[in-house]
Amino acid sequence: MIPRPPFDLDVLRTFVAVAETASFTRAAARLGLTQSSVSIHVRRLEDGLGQRVFSRGHREVALAPAGELLLPLARQMLDLAELARSRLTEPDVAGTVRLGTPEDFATLHLSDVLSRFARAHPQVALQVNCDFTVNLLDGFGKGQYDLVLCKREPQGASEGTMVWREPLVWVGGDRLRLAADEPIPLVLAPSPDIYRRRALAALEQAGKPWRVAYTSPSLAGVQAAVRAGLGITVLAKEAVAPGLLMLGGEQGLPALADTEIALYRAPGSLPKAVDLLAEHIIRSLEAASG
């Protein structure tokens, strides 16, 4: 008789959380479980498979070869379970949701999130517009969006729901040579972009002379200019693409604090589709950020 696979959804959810956080402790905090419960789930999975899915180190937990094979499959199984739940419990949700988001955040983090939502709610039409935060908030105030994701300074408890914290880094290309006696050339988005403000404020506070060498309104344009050696920029750490290098103290550059991404909902009574997308974004990004 072929043994039944140990793919209980709660066990798989725990496995994915440990894999994404590299820690039993952080996985327990994410899932609202005790650390002993996380250990029991992992042990049940490993006993059922007859092999280890994690390699335990002194500080962090790493995927074993079996775990590397299982992780994408476990995510697919959990996505399929969520799809089934949504189709069965919310089969008639329809309408249009107008979402505004920064371009770089949409490129890096929203594709899979919105794809899963669209599969779960095929009757909902998504209208997504990418723009700078200042323009998104202006349009939001004029009623042009149901939901907006905006970059902001860390605020703790405030308006909107904080869904992501972005570590920022200085970025340069391998063609650039910074001269100690010359102003630092910068590649930036137009004012009042928050990364631009962060770059200028950090350099001013550190007493570093600077000049804006290139301005582009798009992430691709900024990355291309930096890659060409026209200057350095500030990006979210995860936006450092191939051909770009993270810079820092060794190049005499000041440290940069994190920024936040917050989700804002339009005031008043909203269609069910808007609430569902907002909840889906918050849940998905919380899980991804660990």
Protein backbone atom coordinates (compact mmCIF):
# COMPACT_ATOMS: atom_id res chain seq x y z
CA MET A 1 0.00 0.00 0.00
CA ILE A 2 1.41 3.42 -1.01
CA PRO A 3 1.77 5.67 2.07
CA ARG A 4 -0.25 8.88 2.13
CA PRO A 5 1.91 12.00 1.68
CA PRO A 6 2.27 14.18 4.81
CA PHE A 7 0.87 17.27 3.11
CA ASP A 8 -1.50 18.63 5.71
CA LEU A 9 -2.06 22.32 4.82
CA ASP A 10 -1.15 23.57 8.29
CA VAL A 11 2.08 21.59 8.14
CA LEU A 12 2.88 22.97 4.68
CA ARG A 13 2.09 26.50 5.82
CA THR A 14 4.54 26.08 8.70
CA PHE A 15 7.18 24.63 6.39
CA VAL A 16 6.89 27.62 4.02
CA ALA A 17 7.06 30.09 6.92
CA VAL A 18 10.24 28.49 8.28
CA ALA A 19 11.77 28.42 4.80
CA GLU A 20 10.99 32.10 4.18
CA THR A 21 12.13 33.35 7.59
CA ALA A 22 15.06 30.92 8.08
CA SER A 23 13.98 30.59 11.70
CA PHE A 24 11.60 28.49 13.78
CA THR A 25 11.15 31.45 16.13
CA ARG A 26 10.27 33.95 13.39
CA ALA A 27 7.98 31.42 11.71
CA ALA A 28 6.13 30.90 14.99
CA ALA A 29 5.65 34.66 15.37
CA ARG A 30 4.36 34.99 11.81
CA LEU A 31 1.86 32.15 12.20
CA GLY A 32 0.78 32.90 15.76
CA LEU A 33 2.04 29.51 16.97
CA THR A 34 4.39 28.42 19.72
CA GLN A 35 7.90 27.41 18.69
CA SER A 36 7.20 23.87 19.92
CA SER A 37 4.19 23.67 17.58
CA VAL A 38 6.38 24.73 14.66
CA SER A 39 8.91 22.06 15.59
CA ILE A 40 6.16 19.42 15.78
CA HIS A 41 4.85 20.39 12.32
CA VAL A 42 8.32 20.19 10.78
CA ARG A 43 9.05 16.89 12.49
CA ARG A 44 5.71 15.48 11.25
CA LEU A 45 6.60 16.53 7.71
CA GLU A 46 10.09 15.06 7.87
CA ASP A 47 8.86 11.81 9.46
CA GLY A 48 6.23 11.46 6.76
CA LEU A 49 8.73 12.08 3.96
CA GLY A 50 11.45 10.01 5.58
CA GLN A 51 14.05 12.74 5.02
CA ARG A 52 15.11 16.13 6.29
CA VAL A 53 13.69 19.28 4.72
CA PHE A 54 15.88 21.65 6.79
CA SER A 55 19.53 21.78 7.77
CA ARG A 56 19.79 23.25 11.26
CA GLY A 57 22.71 25.59 11.88
CA HIS A 58 23.76 27.45 14.99
CA ARG A 59 21.95 30.65 14.00
CA GLU A 60 19.70 30.07 11.00
CA VAL A 61 17.77 27.26 9.36
CA ALA A 62 18.55 26.42 5.72
CA LEU A 63 16.71 24.26 3.24
CA ALA A 64 18.04 20.75 2.71
CA PRO A 65 17.88 19.37 -0.87
CA ALA A 66 14.45 17.81 -0.20
CA GLY A 67 13.23 21.13 1.17
CA GLU A 68 14.44 23.01 -1.91
CA LEU A 69 12.44 20.61 -4.07
CA LEU A 70 9.35 20.83 -1.87
CA LEU A 71 9.19 24.63 -1.36
CA PRO A 72 7.76 25.70 -4.77
CA LEU A 73 5.38 22.74 -4.73
CA ALA A 74 4.20 23.60 -1.20
CA ARG A 75 3.50 27.18 -2.30
CA GLN A 76 1.48 25.88 -5.25
CA MET A 77 -0.55 23.60 -2.98
CA LEU A 78 -1.29 26.45 -0.57
CA ASP A 79 -2.22 28.75 -3.45
CA LEU A 80 -4.55 26.08 -4.84
CA ALA A 81 -6.19 25.65 -1.43
CA GLU A 82 -6.72 29.42 -1.17
CA LEU A 83 -8.14 29.46 -4.70
CA ALA A 84 -10.61 26.71 -3.80
CA ARG A 85 -11.64 28.51 -0.61
CA SER A 86 -12.22 31.78 -2.46
CA ARG A 87 -14.17 30.19 -5.31
CA LEU A 88 -16.43 28.26 -2.92
CA THR A 89 -17.05 30.91 -0.28
CA GLU A 90 -17.05 34.05 -2.45
CA PRO A 91 -18.17 32.83 -5.90
CA ASP A 92 -20.13 35.90 -7.02
CA VAL A 93 -17.77 38.79 -6.26
CA ALA A 94 -17.48 41.11 -9.26
CA GLY A 95 -16.71 44.71 -10.09
CA THR A 96 -13.74 46.97 -10.79
CA VAL A 97 -10.97 47.93 -8.38
CA ARG A 98 -8.76 50.96 -9.13
CA LEU A 99 -5.31 50.48 -7.58
CA GLY A 100 -2.42 52.94 -7.59
CA THR A 101 1.12 51.83 -6.76
CA PRO A 102 4.74 52.96 -7.11
CA GLU A 103 6.33 51.44 -10.21
CA ASP A 104 9.29 49.79 -8.49
CA PHE A 105 7.13 48.21 -5.79
CA ALA A 106 4.69 46.87 -8.38
CA THR A 107 7.55 45.41 -10.40
CA LEU A 108 9.22 43.73 -7.45
CA HIS A 109 6.34 42.58 -5.27
CA LEU A 110 2.86 42.84 -6.77
CA SER A 111 2.88 40.60 -9.84
CA ASP A 112 2.32 37.34 -7.98
CA VAL A 113 0.00 38.97 -5.43
CA LEU A 114 -2.33 40.37 -8.09
CA SER A 115 -2.10 37.21 -10.19
CA ARG A 116 -3.32 35.07 -7.30
CA PHE A 117 -6.17 37.48 -6.62
CA ALA A 118 -7.23 37.47 -10.28
CA ARG A 119 -7.30 33.67 -10.36
CA ALA A 120 -9.38 33.55 -7.18
CA HIS A 121 -11.79 36.29 -8.34
CA PRO A 122 -12.05 36.12 -12.14
CA GLN A 123 -15.08 38.43 -12.21
CA VAL A 124 -13.13 41.32 -10.69
CA ALA A 125 -11.44 43.73 -13.12
CA LEU A 126 -8.23 45.34 -11.86
CA GLN A 127 -7.21 48.80 -13.08
CA VAL A 128 -3.62 49.32 -11.91
CA ASN A 129 -1.74 52.60 -12.40
CA CYS A 130 1.93 53.12 -11.51
CA ASP A 131 3.11 56.60 -10.50
CA PHE A 132 5.05 58.56 -7.90
CA THR A 133 3.61 58.62 -4.40
CA VAL A 134 2.84 62.36 -4.55
CA ASN A 135 0.79 61.85 -7.71
CA LEU A 136 -0.91 58.76 -6.30
CA LEU A 137 -1.97 60.63 -3.17
CA ASP A 138 -3.20 63.56 -5.25
CA GLY A 139 -5.31 61.24 -7.39
CA PHE A 140 -6.50 59.39 -4.29
CA GLY A 141 -7.70 62.66 -2.79
CA LYS A 142 -9.62 63.37 -6.00
CA GLY A 143 -11.37 59.99 -5.89
CA GLN A 144 -9.44 58.42 -8.77
CA TYR A 145 -8.41 55.31 -6.80
CA ASP A 146 -10.09 52.82 -4.49
CA LEU A 147 -6.74 51.70 -3.06
CA VAL A 148 -3.24 53.16 -3.20
CA LEU A 149 0.11 51.82 -2.06
CA CYS A 150 2.39 54.71 -1.12
CA LYS A 151 5.94 55.18 0.08
CA ARG A 152 6.23 57.13 3.30
CA GLU A 153 8.49 57.81 6.24
CA PRO A 154 8.02 55.27 9.06
CA GLN A 155 5.06 56.44 11.12
CA GLY A 156 3.99 53.54 13.32
CA ALA A 157 0.25 53.69 14.02
CA SER A 158 -1.09 56.19 11.50
CA GLU A 159 -3.49 56.51 8.61
CA GLY A 160 -3.30 53.63 6.21
CA THR A 161 -1.94 50.15 6.89
CA MET A 162 1.80 49.59 6.82
CA VAL A 163 2.31 46.53 4.60
CA TRP A 164 6.04 46.60 3.80
CA ARG A 165 9.27 47.98 5.17
CA GLU A 166 11.90 48.75 2.56
CA PRO A 167 15.62 48.75 3.41
CA LEU A 168 17.35 51.40 1.27
CA VAL A 169 20.88 51.19 -0.13
CA TRP A 170 23.24 53.28 -2.20
CA VAL A 171 23.74 51.75 -5.64
CA GLY A 172 26.36 52.28 -8.32
CA GLY A 173 27.68 50.66 -11.48
CA ASP A 174 31.09 49.10 -12.04
CA ARG A 175 31.96 51.85 -14.56
CA LEU A 176 31.73 54.65 -12.01
CA ARG A 177 34.76 55.97 -10.14
CA LEU A 178 34.02 58.31 -7.24
CA ALA A 179 36.69 60.99 -6.77
CA ALA A 180 37.21 62.13 -3.18
CA ASP A 181 37.62 65.79 -4.17
CA GLU A 182 34.55 66.04 -6.44
CA PRO A 183 30.80 66.27 -5.70
CA ILE A 184 29.05 62.89 -5.72
CA PRO A 185 27.12 62.48 -9.00
CA LEU A 186 23.52 61.39 -8.36
CA VAL A 187 20.95 59.65 -10.54
CA LEU A 188 17.52 60.39 -9.09
CA ALA A 189 13.81 60.46 -9.75
CA PRO A 190 12.22 63.92 -9.97
CA SER A 191 11.25 65.85 -6.84
CA PRO A 192 9.47 65.14 -4.49
CA ASP A 193 10.38 61.42 -4.70
CA ILE A 194 11.09 60.03 -1.21
CA TYR A 195 14.30 58.28 -2.32
CA ARG A 196 15.54 61.58 -3.74
CA ARG A 197 14.79 63.33 -0.44
CA ARG A 198 16.53 60.56 1.46
CA ALA A 199 19.66 60.74 -0.70
CA LEU A 200 20.01 64.53 -0.48
CA ALA A 201 19.22 64.70 3.24
CA ALA A 202 21.72 61.95 4.10
CA LEU A 203 24.50 63.58 2.08
CA GLU A 204 23.77 67.04 3.50
CA GLN A 205 23.82 65.69 7.06
CA ALA A 206 27.12 63.91 6.39
CA GLY A 207 28.62 67.04 4.83
CA LYS A 208 29.14 65.36 1.46
CA PRO A 209 29.01 67.60 -1.63
CA TRP A 210 26.74 66.33 -4.41
CA ARG A 211 25.32 67.17 -7.82
CA VAL A 212 22.34 65.75 -9.70
CA ALA A 213 23.84 64.28 -12.85
CA TYR A 214 20.76 62.57 -14.28
CA THR A 215 17.02 62.57 -13.60
CA SER A 216 14.56 59.91 -14.75
CA PRO A 217 10.90 59.33 -13.85
CA SER A 218 11.15 55.54 -14.18
CA LEU A 219 12.92 52.75 -12.29
CA ALA A 220 14.28 51.33 -15.55
CA GLY A 221 15.69 54.74 -16.51
CA VAL A 222 17.41 55.18 -13.15
CA GLN A 223 18.90 51.68 -13.28
CA ALA A 224 20.13 52.17 -16.85
CA ALA A 225 21.83 55.48 -16.02
CA VAL A 226 23.52 54.01 -12.96
CA ARG A 227 24.62 50.97 -14.94
CA ALA A 228 26.13 53.33 -17.54
CA GLY A 229 28.24 54.99 -14.85
CA LEU A 230 26.50 58.36 -14.80
CA GLY A 231 26.20 58.42 -11.02
CA ILE A 232 24.89 56.65 -7.94
CA THR A 233 21.34 56.41 -6.63
CA VAL A 234 19.21 55.16 -3.74
CA LEU A 235 17.07 52.08 -4.31
CA ALA A 236 15.20 49.51 -2.31
CA LYS A 237 17.65 46.75 -1.55
CA GLU A 238 15.62 44.25 -3.57
CA ALA A 239 15.71 46.51 -6.64
CA VAL A 240 19.48 46.10 -7.05
CA ALA A 241 19.49 44.41 -10.45
CA PRO A 242 22.36 42.54 -12.14
CA GLY A 243 25.09 44.92 -13.20
CA LEU A 244 24.54 47.16 -10.16
CA LEU A 245 26.56 47.23 -6.94
CA MET A 246 25.54 48.10 -3.40
CA LEU A 247 27.73 50.85 -1.93
CA GLY A 248 28.17 52.11 1.61
CA GLY A 249 30.66 53.05 4.24
CA GLU A 250 33.67 51.84 2.25
CA GLN A 251 32.86 54.50 -0.34
CA GLY A 252 32.29 57.12 2.36
CA LEU A 253 28.52 57.11 1.96
CA PRO A 254 26.20 57.63 4.95
CA ALA A 255 23.76 54.97 6.18
CA LEU A 256 20.14 55.14 5.03
CA ALA A 257 17.08 54.41 7.17
CA ASP A 258 14.21 52.22 5.96
CA THR A 259 11.03 53.53 4.37
CA GLU A 260 7.52 52.10 4.55
CA ILE A 261 4.91 51.12 2.01
CA ALA A 262 1.38 51.79 3.30
CA LEU A 263 -2.00 50.81 1.87
CA TYR A 264 -4.74 53.45 1.90
CA ARG A 265 -8.43 52.72 1.28
CA ALA A 266 -10.87 55.27 -0.09
CA PRO A 267 -13.24 56.63 2.58
CA GLY A 268 -16.87 55.56 2.79
CA SER A 269 -18.58 52.31 1.96
CA LEU A 270 -16.52 50.30 -0.53
CA PRO A 271 -17.57 47.47 -2.88
CA LYS A 272 -16.82 43.96 -1.65
CA ALA A 273 -14.17 43.53 -4.36
CA VAL A 274 -12.16 46.47 -2.95
CA ASP A 275 -12.20 45.05 0.57
CA LEU A 276 -11.18 41.62 -0.71
CA LEU A 277 -8.23 43.01 -2.66
CA ALA A 278 -7.09 45.13 0.29
CA GLU A 279 -7.22 42.14 2.63
CA HIS A 280 -5.43 39.97 0.06
CA ILE A 281 -2.62 42.52 -0.40
CA ILE A 282 -2.13 42.93 3.35
CA ARG A 283 -2.15 39.18 4.00
CA SER A 284 0.18 38.39 1.07
CA LEU A 285 2.73 41.09 1.85
CA GLU A 286 2.78 40.27 5.57
CA ALA A 287 3.55 36.66 4.69
CA ALA A 288 6.23 37.64 2.16
CA SER A 289 7.97 40.08 4.51
CA GLY A 290 8.02 37.62 7.39
